PDB file of N, CA and C in Angstrom:
ATOM      1  N   MET A   1     -47.839 -18.762  28.574  1.00  0.00           N
ATOM      2  CA  MET A   1     -47.492 -17.694  27.229  1.00  0.00           C
ATOM      3  C   MET A   1     -47.820 -16.299  27.561  1.00  0.00           C
ATOM      4  N   LYS A   2     -47.450 -15.556  26.987  1.00  0.00           N
ATOM      5  CA  LYS A   2     -47.345 -14.088  27.264  1.00  0.00           C
ATOM      6  C   LYS A   2     -47.793 -13.231  26.229  1.00  0.00           C
ATOM      7  N   LEU A   3     -48.997 -12.563  26.187  1.00  0.00           N
ATOM      8  CA  LEU A   3     -49.397 -11.768  25.269  1.00  0.00           C
ATOM      9  C   LEU A   3     -48.660 -10.563  25.078  1.00  0.00           C
ATOM     10  N   VAL A   4     -47.908 -10.443  23.938  1.00  0.00           N
ATOM     11  CA  VAL A   4     -47.383  -9.138  23.618  1.00  0.00           C
ATOM     12  C   VAL A   4     -48.085  -8.481  22.661  1.00  0.00           C
ATOM     13  N   ASP A   5     -47.919  -7.043  22.817  1.00  0.00           N
ATOM     14  CA  ASP A   5     -48.465  -5.873  21.897  1.00  0.00           C
ATOM     15  C   ASP A   5     -47.893  -6.124  20.526  1.00  0.00           C
ATOM     16  N   PRO A   6     -48.769  -6.434  19.337  1.00  0.00           N
ATOM     17  CA  PRO A   6     -48.279  -6.517  18.028  1.00  0.00           C
ATOM     18  C   PRO A   6     -47.205  -5.420  17.722  1.00  0.00           C
ATOM     19  N   VAL A   7     -47.468  -4.169  18.106  1.00  0.00           N
ATOM     20  CA  VAL A   7     -46.539  -3.165  18.052  1.00  0.00           C
ATOM     21  C   VAL A   7     -44.968  -3.426  18.241  1.00  0.00           C
ATOM     22  N   ASP A   8     -44.973  -3.896  19.534  1.00  0.00           N
ATOM     23  CA  ASP A   8     -43.693  -4.381  20.109  1.00  0.00           C
ATOM     24  C   ASP A   8     -42.978  -5.228  19.122  1.00  0.00           C
ATOM     25  N   LEU A   9     -43.715  -6.226  18.799  1.00  0.00           N
ATOM     26  CA  LEU A   9     -42.937  -7.203  18.132  1.00  0.00           C
ATOM     27  C   LEU A   9     -42.539  -6.734  16.577  1.00  0.00           C
ATOM     28  N   ILE A  10     -43.634  -5.960  16.030  1.00  0.00           N
ATOM     29  CA  ILE A  10     -43.003  -5.325  15.035  1.00  0.00           C
ATOM     30  C   ILE A  10     -41.723  -4.408  14.961  1.00  0.00           C
ATOM     31  N   ARG A  11     -41.646  -3.563  16.244  1.00  0.00           N
ATOM     32  CA  ARG A  11     -40.601  -2.755  16.324  1.00  0.00           C
ATOM     33  C   ARG A  11     -39.359  -3.735  16.730  1.00  0.00           C
ATOM     34  N   ALA A  12     -39.545  -4.711  17.217  1.00  0.00           N
ATOM     35  CA  ALA A  12     -38.344  -5.530  17.742  1.00  0.00           C
ATOM     36  C   ALA A  12     -37.515  -6.055  16.508  1.00  0.00           C
ATOM     37  N   ARG A  13     -38.742  -6.697  15.617  1.00  0.00           N
ATOM     38  CA  ARG A  13     -38.322  -7.107  14.149  1.00  0.00           C
ATOM     39  C   ARG A  13     -37.553  -6.261  13.358  1.00  0.00           C
ATOM     40  N   GLU A  14     -38.118  -4.948  13.364  1.00  0.00           N
ATOM     41  CA  GLU A  14     -37.316  -3.883  12.525  1.00  0.00           C
ATOM     42  C   GLU A  14     -36.017  -3.549  13.102  1.00  0.00           C
ATOM     43  N   GLU A  15     -36.056  -3.370  14.359  1.00  0.00           N
ATOM     44  CA  GLU A  15     -34.640  -3.109  15.134  1.00  0.00           C
ATOM     45  C   GLU A  15     -33.590  -4.254  14.759  1.00  0.00           C
ATOM     46  N   LYS A  16     -34.034  -5.550  14.665  1.00  0.00           N
ATOM     47  CA  LYS A  16     -33.068  -6.572  14.437  1.00  0.00           C
ATOM     48  C   LYS A  16     -32.769  -6.528  13.120  1.00  0.00           C
ATOM     49  N   ARG A  17     -33.704  -6.255  12.239  1.00  0.00           N
ATOM     50  CA  ARG A  17     -33.217  -6.021  10.714  1.00  0.00           C
ATOM     51  C   ARG A  17     -32.017  -4.869  10.512  1.00  0.00           C
ATOM     52  N   ALA A  18     -32.441  -3.858  11.239  1.00  0.00           N
ATOM     53  CA  ALA A  18     -31.496  -2.555  11.236  1.00  0.00           C
ATOM     54  C   ALA A  18     -30.213  -3.032  11.510  1.00  0.00           C
ATOM     55  N   GLN A  19     -30.198  -3.899  12.723  1.00  0.00           N
ATOM     56  CA  GLN A  19     -28.819  -4.404  13.063  1.00  0.00           C
ATOM     57  C   GLN A  19     -28.064  -5.245  12.125  1.00  0.00           C
ATOM     58  N   VAL A  20     -28.915  -6.084  11.464  1.00  0.00           N
ATOM     59  CA  VAL A  20     -28.284  -6.922  10.538  1.00  0.00           C
ATOM     60  C   VAL A  20     -27.516  -6.478   9.441  1.00  0.00           C
ATOM     61  N   ALA A  21     -28.483  -5.189   8.869  1.00  0.00           N
ATOM     62  CA  ALA A  21     -28.172  -4.512   7.963  1.00  0.00           C
ATOM     63  C   ALA A  21     -26.915  -3.700   8.175  1.00  0.00           C
ATOM     64  N   GLY A  22     -26.899  -2.976   9.318  1.00  0.00           N
ATOM     65  CA  GLY A  22     -25.860  -2.131   9.712  1.00  0.00           C
ATOM     66  C   GLY A  22     -24.541  -3.029   9.506  1.00  0.00           C
ATOM     67  N   LYS A  23     -24.553  -4.276  10.397  1.00  0.00           N
ATOM     68  CA  LYS A  23     -23.272  -5.267  10.344  1.00  0.00           C
ATOM     69  C   LYS A  23     -22.879  -5.434   8.768  1.00  0.00           C
ATOM     70  N   ALA A  24     -23.851  -5.813   8.056  1.00  0.00           N
ATOM     71  CA  ALA A  24     -23.462  -5.927   6.889  1.00  0.00           C
ATOM     72  C   ALA A  24     -22.994  -4.886   6.097  1.00  0.00           C
ATOM     73  N   ALA A  25     -23.359  -3.656   6.124  1.00  0.00           N
ATOM     74  CA  ALA A  25     -22.748  -2.596   5.775  1.00  0.00           C
ATOM     75  C   ALA A  25     -21.355  -2.082   6.245  1.00  0.00           C
ATOM     76  N   LYS A  26     -21.147  -2.328   7.487  1.00  0.00           N
ATOM     77  CA  LYS A  26     -19.941  -2.220   8.137  1.00  0.00           C
ATOM     78  C   LYS A  26     -18.963  -3.193   7.487  1.00  0.00           C
ATOM     79  N   LYS A  27     -19.115  -4.573   7.460  1.00  0.00           N
ATOM     80  CA  LYS A  27     -18.300  -5.498   6.523  1.00  0.00           C
ATOM     81  C   LYS A  27     -18.045  -5.121   5.377  1.00  0.00           C
ATOM     82  N   ALA A  28     -18.822  -4.641   4.355  1.00  0.00           N
ATOM     83  CA  ALA A  28     -18.695  -4.171   3.153  1.00  0.00           C
ATOM     84  C   ALA A  28     -17.676  -3.078   2.987  1.00  0.00           C
ATOM     85  N   ALA A  29     -17.790  -1.960   4.153  1.00  0.00           N
ATOM     86  CA  ALA A  29     -16.966  -0.932   4.187  1.00  0.00           C
ATOM     87  C   ALA A  29     -15.619  -1.390   4.509  1.00  0.00           C
ATOM     88  N   SER A  30     -15.555  -2.362   5.319  1.00  0.00           N
ATOM     89  CA  SER A  30     -14.210  -2.942   5.887  1.00  0.00           C
ATOM     90  C   SER A  30     -13.652  -3.525   4.613  1.00  0.00           C
ATOM     91  N   THR A  31     -14.045  -4.527   3.902  1.00  0.00           N
ATOM     92  CA  THR A  31     -13.642  -5.223   2.875  1.00  0.00           C
ATOM     93  C   THR A  31     -13.208  -4.094   1.726  1.00  0.00           C
ATOM     94  N   GLU A  32     -13.989  -3.292   1.572  1.00  0.00           N
ATOM     95  CA  GLU A  32     -13.812  -2.245   0.572  1.00  0.00           C
ATOM     96  C   GLU A  32     -12.399  -1.287   0.917  1.00  0.00           C
ATOM     97  N   ALA A  33     -12.249  -1.112   2.010  1.00  0.00           N
ATOM     98  CA  ALA A  33     -11.193  -0.284   2.707  1.00  0.00           C
ATOM     99  C   ALA A  33      -9.994  -1.158   2.660  1.00  0.00           C
ATOM    100  N   GLU A  34     -10.004  -2.604   2.949  1.00  0.00           N
ATOM    101  CA  GLU A  34      -8.969  -3.336   3.003  1.00  0.00           C
ATOM    102  C   GLU A  34      -8.283  -3.261   1.398  1.00  0.00           C
ATOM    103  N   LYS A  35      -9.381  -3.738   0.412  1.00  0.00           N
ATOM    104  CA  LYS A  35      -9.118  -3.661  -1.079  1.00  0.00           C
ATOM    105  C   LYS A  35      -8.191  -2.443  -1.372  1.00  0.00           C
ATOM    106  N   LEU A  36      -8.763  -1.499  -1.069  1.00  0.00           N
ATOM    107  CA  LEU A  36      -7.990  -0.067  -1.368  1.00  0.00           C
ATOM    108  C   LEU A  36      -6.830  -0.037  -0.740  1.00  0.00           C
ATOM    109  N   ARG A  37      -6.392  -0.493   0.538  1.00  0.00           N
ATOM    110  CA  ARG A  37      -5.035  -0.677   1.148  1.00  0.00           C
ATOM    111  C   ARG A  37      -4.225  -1.343   0.204  1.00  0.00           C
ATOM    112  N   LYS A  38      -4.615  -2.560  -0.062  1.00  0.00           N
ATOM    113  CA  LYS A  38      -3.923  -3.542  -0.792  1.00  0.00           C
ATOM    114  C   LYS A  38      -3.451  -2.920  -2.280  1.00  0.00           C
ATOM    115  N   LEU A  39      -4.333  -2.315  -2.940  1.00  0.00           N
ATOM    116  CA  LEU A  39      -4.147  -1.600  -4.184  1.00  0.00           C
ATOM    117  C   LEU A  39      -3.186  -0.766  -4.047  1.00  0.00           C
ATOM    118  N   GLU A  40      -3.404   0.202  -2.959  1.00  0.00           N
ATOM    119  CA  GLU A  40      -2.035   1.176  -2.633  1.00  0.00           C
ATOM    120  C   GLU A  40      -0.882   0.649  -2.444  1.00  0.00           C
ATOM    121  N   LYS A  41      -0.886  -0.399  -1.824  1.00  0.00           N
ATOM    122  CA  LYS A  41       0.500  -0.847  -1.509  1.00  0.00           C
ATOM    123  C   LYS A  41       1.039  -1.760  -2.690  1.00  0.00           C
ATOM    124  N   VAL A  42       0.306  -2.199  -3.969  1.00  0.00           N
ATOM    125  CA  VAL A  42       0.701  -2.529  -5.077  1.00  0.00           C
ATOM    126  C   VAL A  42       1.138  -1.550  -6.037  1.00  0.00           C
ATOM    127  N   LEU A  43       0.704  -0.537  -5.897  1.00  0.00           N
ATOM    128  CA  LEU A  43       0.574   0.696  -6.867  1.00  0.00           C
ATOM    129  C   LEU A  43       2.058   1.320  -6.381  1.00  0.00           C
ATOM    130  N   LYS A  44       2.593   1.347  -5.168  1.00  0.00           N
ATOM    131  CA  LYS A  44       3.838   1.737  -4.734  1.00  0.00           C
ATOM    132  C   LYS A  44       4.766   1.282  -5.293  1.00  0.00           C
ATOM    133  N   GLY A  45       4.766  -0.144  -5.835  1.00  0.00           N
ATOM    134  CA  GLY A  45       5.809  -0.951  -6.533  1.00  0.00           C
ATOM    135  C   GLY A  45       5.737  -0.654  -7.864  1.00  0.00           C
ATOM    136  N   LYS A  46       5.043   0.461  -8.571  1.00  0.00           N
ATOM    137  CA  LYS A  46       5.071   0.733 -10.032  1.00  0.00           C
ATOM    138  C   LYS A  46       6.414   1.283 -10.494  1.00  0.00           C
ATOM    139  N   LEU A  47       7.132   1.962  -9.641  1.00  0.00           N
ATOM    140  CA  LEU A  47       8.352   2.519  -9.817  1.00  0.00           C
ATOM    141  C   LEU A  47       9.647   1.292  -9.694  1.00  0.00           C
ATOM    142  N   PRO A  48      10.269   1.326 -10.839  1.00  0.00           N
ATOM    143  CA  PRO A  48      11.565   0.275 -10.649  1.00  0.00           C
ATOM    144  C   PRO A  48      12.439   0.600  -9.807  1.00  0.00           C
ATOM    145  N   PRO A  49      13.010  -0.290  -9.164  1.00  0.00           N
ATOM    146  CA  PRO A  49      14.023   0.062  -7.919  1.00  0.00           C
ATOM    147  C   PRO A  49      15.021   0.530  -8.504  1.00  0.00           C
ATOM    148  N   GLY A  50      15.530   0.535  -9.876  1.00  0.00           N
ATOM    149  CA  GLY A  50      16.818   1.083 -10.258  1.00  0.00           C
ATOM    150  C   GLY A  50      16.638   2.675 -10.717  1.00  0.00           C
ATOM    151  N   GLU A  51      15.366   2.840 -10.391  1.00  0.00           N
ATOM    152  CA  GLU A  51      15.020   4.479 -10.870  1.00  0.00           C
ATOM    153  C   GLU A  51      14.426   5.164  -9.681  1.00  0.00           C
ATOM    154  N   MET A  52      14.719   4.590  -8.513  1.00  0.00           N
ATOM    155  CA  MET A  52      14.246   5.250  -7.111  1.00  0.00           C
ATOM    156  C   MET A  52      14.979   6.567  -6.592  1.00  0.00           C
ATOM    157  N   PHE A  53      16.290   6.209  -6.834  1.00  0.00           N
ATOM    158  CA  PHE A  53      17.193   7.240  -6.382  1.00  0.00           C
ATOM    159  C   PHE A  53      17.694   8.190  -7.387  1.00  0.00           C
ATOM    160  N   GLN A  54      17.025   8.117  -8.251  1.00  0.00           N
ATOM    161  CA  GLN A  54      17.334   8.998  -9.539  1.00  0.00           C
ATOM    162  C   GLN A  54      16.450  10.192  -9.720  1.00  0.00           C
ATOM    163  N   PRO A  55      16.743  11.609 -10.094  1.00  0.00           N
ATOM    164  CA  PRO A  55      15.804  12.405 -10.594  1.00  0.00           C
ATOM    165  C   PRO A  55      14.790  11.875 -11.615  1.00  0.00           C
ATOM    166  N   PRO A  56      13.549  12.281 -11.320  1.00  0.00           N
ATOM    167  CA  PRO A  56      12.925  13.162 -10.532  1.00  0.00           C
ATOM    168  C   PRO A  56      12.316  12.685  -9.148  1.00  0.00           C
ATOM    169  N   ASN A  57      12.742  11.033  -8.948  1.00  0.00           N
ATOM    170  CA  ASN A  57      12.398  10.670  -7.730  1.00  0.00           C
ATOM    171  C   ASN A  57      12.884  10.968  -6.525  1.00  0.00           C
ATOM    172  N   VAL A  58      13.944  11.678  -6.488  1.00  0.00           N
ATOM    173  CA  VAL A  58      14.711  12.352  -5.740  1.00  0.00           C
ATOM    174  C   VAL A  58      15.029  13.844  -6.119  1.00  0.00           C
ATOM    175  N   PRO A  59      15.359  14.577  -4.942  1.00  0.00           N
ATOM    176  CA  PRO A  59      15.694  16.024  -5.358  1.00  0.00           C
ATOM    177  C   PRO A  59      16.885  15.975  -6.258  1.00  0.00           C
ATOM    178  N   GLU A  60      16.818  16.809  -7.319  1.00  0.00           N
ATOM    179  CA  GLU A  60      17.874  17.098  -8.349  1.00  0.00           C
ATOM    180  C   GLU A  60      19.353  17.605  -7.623  1.00  0.00           C
ATOM    181  N   GLY A  61      20.495  16.691  -7.734  1.00  0.00           N
ATOM    182  CA  GLY A  61      21.710  17.131  -6.989  1.00  0.00           C
ATOM    183  C   GLY A  61      21.607  16.268  -5.427  1.00  0.00           C
ATOM    184  N   ALA A  62      20.787  15.258  -5.385  1.00  0.00           N
ATOM    185  CA  ALA A  62      20.817  14.478  -3.975  1.00  0.00           C
ATOM    186  C   ALA A  62      21.960  13.696  -4.043  1.00  0.00           C
ATOM    187  N   TYR A  63      22.253  12.910  -5.212  1.00  0.00           N
ATOM    188  CA  TYR A  63      23.181  11.909  -5.444  1.00  0.00           C
ATOM    189  C   TYR A  63      24.009  12.332  -6.788  1.00  0.00           C
ATOM    190  N   GLY A  64      25.537  11.683  -6.640  1.00  0.00           N
ATOM    191  CA  GLY A  64      26.208  11.980  -7.764  1.00  0.00           C
ATOM    192  C   GLY A  64      26.535  11.032  -8.745  1.00  0.00           C
ATOM    193  N   SER A  65      26.637   9.720  -8.549  1.00  0.00           N
ATOM    194  CA  SER A  65      26.768   8.543  -8.908  1.00  0.00           C
ATOM    195  C   SER A  65      26.084   7.381  -8.644  1.00  0.00           C
ATOM    196  N   TRP A  66      25.570   6.363  -9.375  1.00  0.00           N
ATOM    197  CA  TRP A  66      24.959   5.245  -9.085  1.00  0.00           C
ATOM    198  C   TRP A  66      25.525   4.043  -9.641  1.00  0.00           C
ATOM    199  N   ASN A  67      25.434   2.964  -8.951  1.00  0.00           N
ATOM    200  CA  ASN A  67      26.123   1.810  -9.492  1.00  0.00           C
ATOM    201  C   ASN A  67      25.055   0.863 -10.809  1.00  0.00           C
ATOM    202  N   GLU A  68      25.463  -0.233 -10.967  1.00  0.00           N
ATOM    203  CA  GLU A  68      24.462  -0.764 -12.237  1.00  0.00           C
ATOM    204  C   GLU A  68      22.784  -1.078 -11.829  1.00  0.00           C
ATOM    205  N   ASP A  69      22.957  -0.974 -10.475  1.00  0.00           N
ATOM    206  CA  ASP A  69      21.205  -1.610  -9.971  1.00  0.00           C
ATOM    207  C   ASP A  69      20.626  -0.174  -9.541  1.00  0.00           C
ATOM    208  N   GLY A  70      21.193   0.953  -9.744  1.00  0.00           N
ATOM    209  CA  GLY A  70      20.658   2.135  -9.579  1.00  0.00           C
ATOM    210  C   GLY A  70      20.866   2.688  -7.879  1.00  0.00           C
ATOM    211  N   LEU A  71      21.812   2.116  -7.379  1.00  0.00           N
ATOM    212  CA  LEU A  71      22.003   2.394  -5.919  1.00  0.00           C
ATOM    213  C   LEU A  71      22.924   3.627  -6.060  1.00  0.00           C
ATOM    214  N   PRO A  72      22.758   4.770  -5.194  1.00  0.00           N
ATOM    215  CA  PRO A  72      23.832   5.714  -5.162  1.00  0.00           C
ATOM    216  C   PRO A  72      25.168   5.205  -4.526  1.00  0.00           C
ATOM    217  N   LEU A  73      26.069   5.906  -5.014  1.00  0.00           N
ATOM    218  CA  LEU A  73      27.435   5.791  -4.515  1.00  0.00           C
ATOM    219  C   LEU A  73      28.028   6.914  -3.954  1.00  0.00           C
ATOM    220  N   THR A  74      27.693   7.926  -4.542  1.00  0.00           N
ATOM    221  CA  THR A  74      28.156   9.356  -4.073  1.00  0.00           C
ATOM    222  C   THR A  74      27.118  10.236  -3.904  1.00  0.00           C
ATOM    223  N   ASP A  75      27.019  11.234  -3.087  1.00  0.00           N
ATOM    224  CA  ASP A  75      26.157  12.135  -2.774  1.00  0.00           C
ATOM    225  C   ASP A  75      26.079  13.331  -3.792  1.00  0.00           C
ATOM    226  N   GLY A  76      25.558  14.193  -3.532  1.00  0.00           N
ATOM    227  CA  GLY A  76      25.657  15.234  -4.786  1.00  0.00           C
ATOM    228  C   GLY A  76      27.051  16.185  -4.623  1.00  0.00           C
ATOM    229  N   ALA A  77      27.466  16.317  -3.591  1.00  0.00           N
ATOM    230  CA  ALA A  77      28.860  16.827  -3.418  1.00  0.00           C
ATOM    231  C   ALA A  77      30.254  16.145  -4.068  1.00  0.00           C
ATOM    232  N   GLY A  78      29.937  14.907  -4.311  1.00  0.00           N
ATOM    233  CA  GLY A  78      30.881  13.921  -4.682  1.00  0.00           C
ATOM    234  C   GLY A  78      31.457  12.944  -3.817  1.00  0.00           C
ATOM    235  N   LYS A  79      31.148  13.171  -2.479  1.00  0.00           N
ATOM    236  CA  LYS A  79      31.506  12.257  -1.509  1.00  0.00           C
ATOM    237  C   LYS A  79      30.765  10.987  -1.351  1.00  0.00           C
ATOM    238  N   GLU A  80      31.422   9.843  -1.031  1.00  0.00           N
ATOM    239  CA  GLU A  80      31.125   8.495  -0.740  1.00  0.00           C
ATOM    240  C   GLU A  80      29.972   8.771   0.451  1.00  0.00           C
ATOM    241  N   LEU A  81      28.960   7.810   0.165  1.00  0.00           N
ATOM    242  CA  LEU A  81      27.933   7.944   1.161  1.00  0.00           C
ATOM    243  C   LEU A  81      28.524   6.843   2.229  1.00  0.00           C
ATOM    244  N   SER A  82      28.159   7.672   3.428  1.00  0.00           N
ATOM    245  CA  SER A  82      28.358   6.652   4.588  1.00  0.00           C
ATOM    246  C   SER A  82      27.838   5.403   4.951  1.00  0.00           C
ATOM    247  N   LYS A  83      28.463   4.728   5.643  1.00  0.00           N
ATOM    248  CA  LYS A  83      28.024   3.289   5.980  1.00  0.00           C
ATOM    249  C   LYS A  83      26.688   3.006   6.074  1.00  0.00           C
ATOM    250  N   ASN A  84      26.108   4.080   7.193  1.00  0.00           N
ATOM    251  CA  ASN A  84      24.815   3.925   7.457  1.00  0.00           C
ATOM    252  C   ASN A  84      23.854   4.376   6.196  1.00  0.00           C
ATOM    253  N   GLN A  85      24.143   5.374   5.430  1.00  0.00           N
ATOM    254  CA  GLN A  85      23.289   5.651   4.301  1.00  0.00           C
ATOM    255  C   GLN A  85      23.503   4.513   3.305  1.00  0.00           C
ATOM    256  N   VAL A  86      24.438   4.058   3.193  1.00  0.00           N
ATOM    257  CA  VAL A  86      24.522   2.674   2.130  1.00  0.00           C
ATOM    258  C   VAL A  86      23.701   1.854   2.666  1.00  0.00           C
ATOM    259  N   LYS A  87      23.680   1.457   3.944  1.00  0.00           N
ATOM    260  CA  LYS A  87      22.773   0.441   4.396  1.00  0.00           C
ATOM    261  C   LYS A  87      21.402   0.841   4.388  1.00  0.00           C
ATOM    262  N   LYS A  88      20.902   2.172   4.520  1.00  0.00           N
ATOM    263  CA  LYS A  88      19.828   2.589   4.255  1.00  0.00           C
ATOM    264  C   LYS A  88      19.044   2.441   2.770  1.00  0.00           C
ATOM    265  N   THR A  89      20.006   2.938   2.009  1.00  0.00           N
ATOM    266  CA  THR A  89      19.515   2.962   0.582  1.00  0.00           C
ATOM    267  C   THR A  89      19.270   1.439   0.127  1.00  0.00           C
ATOM    268  N   VAL A  90      20.224   0.431   0.710  1.00  0.00           N
ATOM    269  CA  VAL A  90      20.061  -0.700   0.155  1.00  0.00           C
ATOM    270  C   VAL A  90      18.668  -1.335   0.654  1.00  0.00           C
ATOM    271  N   LYS A  91      18.501  -1.242   1.768  1.00  0.00           N
ATOM    272  CA  LYS A  91      17.249  -1.570   2.549  1.00  0.00           C
ATOM    273  C   LYS A  91      16.033  -1.216   1.762  1.00  0.00           C
ATOM    274  N   GLU A  92      16.032   0.168   1.425  1.00  0.00           N
ATOM    275  CA  GLU A  92      14.779   0.903   0.563  1.00  0.00           C
ATOM    276  C   GLU A  92      14.713   0.265  -0.656  1.00  0.00           C
ATOM    277  N   TRP A  93      16.125  -0.005  -1.193  1.00  0.00           N
ATOM    278  CA  TRP A  93      16.102  -0.719  -2.906  1.00  0.00           C
ATOM    279  C   TRP A  93      15.601  -1.695  -2.480  1.00  0.00           C
ATOM    280  N   THR A  94      15.804  -2.580  -1.573  1.00  0.00           N
ATOM    281  CA  THR A  94      15.268  -4.164  -1.233  1.00  0.00           C
ATOM    282  C   THR A  94      13.852  -4.185  -1.558  1.00  0.00           C
ATOM    283  N   LEU A  95      13.436  -3.408  -0.663  1.00  0.00           N
ATOM    284  CA  LEU A  95      11.802  -3.215  -0.358  1.00  0.00           C
ATOM    285  C   LEU A  95      10.899  -2.880  -1.549  1.00  0.00           C
ATOM    286  N   GLN A  96      11.620  -1.768  -2.276  1.00  0.00           N
ATOM    287  CA  GLN A  96      11.038  -1.483  -3.569  1.00  0.00           C
ATOM    288  C   GLN A  96      11.282  -2.629  -4.685  1.00  0.00           C
ATOM    289  N   LYS A  97      12.143  -3.265  -4.768  1.00  0.00           N
ATOM    290  CA  LYS A  97      12.526  -4.456  -5.656  1.00  0.00           C
ATOM    291  C   LYS A  97      11.204  -5.214  -5.108  1.00  0.00           C
ATOM    292  N   LYS A  98      10.904  -5.743  -4.103  1.00  0.00           N
ATOM    293  CA  LYS A  98      10.087  -6.710  -3.525  1.00  0.00           C
ATOM    294  C   LYS A  98       8.690  -6.040  -4.047  1.00  0.00           C
ATOM    295  N   LEU A  99       8.360  -4.776  -3.794  1.00  0.00           N
ATOM    296  CA  LEU A  99       7.084  -4.315  -4.043  1.00  0.00           C
ATOM    297  C   LEU A  99       6.794  -4.116  -5.685  1.00  0.00           C
ATOM    298  N   HIS A 100       8.100  -3.911  -6.317  1.00  0.00           N
ATOM    299  CA  HIS A 100       7.941  -3.704  -7.915  1.00  0.00           C
ATOM    300  C   HIS A 100       7.520  -5.338  -8.367  1.00  0.00           C
ATOM    301  N   GLU A 101       8.241  -6.436  -7.734  1.00  0.00           N
ATOM    302  CA  GLU A 101       7.795  -7.703  -8.404  1.00  0.00           C
ATOM    303  C   GLU A 101       6.446  -7.909  -8.226  1.00  0.00           C
ATOM    304  N   GLU A 102       5.912  -7.444  -6.996  1.00  0.00           N
ATOM    305  CA  GLU A 102       4.387  -7.641  -6.905  1.00  0.00           C
ATOM    306  C   GLU A 102       3.713  -6.825  -7.507  1.00  0.00           C
ATOM    307  N   TYR A 103       4.117  -5.754  -7.788  1.00  0.00           N
ATOM    308  CA  TYR A 103       3.379  -4.807  -9.102  1.00  0.00           C
ATOM    309  C   TYR A 103       3.223  -5.661 -10.406  1.00  0.00           C
ATOM    310  N   MET A 104       4.364  -6.281 -10.710  1.00  0.00           N
ATOM    311  CA  MET A 104       4.342  -6.720 -11.942  1.00  0.00           C
ATOM    312  C   MET A 104       3.482  -8.082 -12.096  1.00  0.00           C
ATOM    313  N   GLU A 105       3.615  -8.782 -11.167  1.00  0.00           N
ATOM    314  CA  GLU A 105       2.676  -9.849 -11.212  1.00  0.00           C
ATOM    315  C   GLU A 105       1.308  -9.342 -10.900  1.00  0.00           C
ATOM    316  N   TRP A 106       1.071  -8.511 -10.220  1.00  0.00           N
ATOM    317  CA  TRP A 106      -0.498  -8.009 -10.000  1.00  0.00           C
ATOM    318  C   TRP A 106      -0.864  -7.591 -11.529  1.00  0.00           C
ATOM    319  N   GLU A 107       0.012  -6.991 -12.082  1.00  0.00           N
ATOM    320  CA  GLU A 107      -0.217  -6.535 -13.605  1.00  0.00           C
ATOM    321  C   GLU A 107      -0.575  -7.511 -14.536  1.00  0.00           C
ATOM    322  N   ARG A 108       0.321  -8.365 -14.426  1.00  0.00           N
ATOM    323  CA  ARG A 108       0.241  -9.612 -15.336  1.00  0.00           C
ATOM    324  C   ARG A 108      -1.331 -10.173 -15.290  1.00  0.00           C
ATOM    325  N   GLN A 109      -1.658 -10.513 -13.689  1.00  0.00           N
ATOM    326  CA  GLN A 109      -2.972 -11.067 -13.525  1.00  0.00           C
ATOM    327  C   GLN A 109      -3.982 -10.197 -13.990  1.00  0.00           C
ATOM    328  N   ASN A 110      -4.169  -8.885 -14.013  1.00  0.00           N
ATOM    329  CA  ASN A 110      -4.888  -8.131 -14.438  1.00  0.00           C
ATOM    330  C   ASN A 110      -4.933  -7.854 -15.946  1.00  0.00           C
ATOM    331  N   VAL A 111      -3.903  -8.148 -16.440  1.00  0.00           N
ATOM    332  CA  VAL A 111      -4.193  -8.140 -18.251  1.00  0.00           C
ATOM    333  C   VAL A 111      -4.812  -8.976 -18.369  1.00  0.00           C
ATOM    334  N   GLU A 112      -4.507 -10.433 -18.216  1.00  0.00           N
ATOM    335  CA  GLU A 112      -5.070 -11.553 -18.889  1.00  0.00           C
ATOM    336  C   GLU A 112      -6.644 -11.626 -18.514  1.00  0.00           C
TER     337      GLU A 112
END
């Protein structure tokens, strides 16, 4: 058996408590940050996908005409969108549709 000064034992116990408290605080902060990231992602879906390519969500005059889903057909000058632009807008619209559905589900859960 080894005799240890009581001051050293008390100091070691306090250091261990401080480490445990530090880990708990770090975990709580991480959990809170994760909740905020999820909430931010859900709130991106607040905008319906049919309105995302229409003013005020895009600059005035960016697009000239839209289809029934809200996808742009022509640019501000009246020219048809290129194949790449159509692909890009369809991809963005699809992503926004998914986000909007998640937002609507989240809203239903929080209302009840």
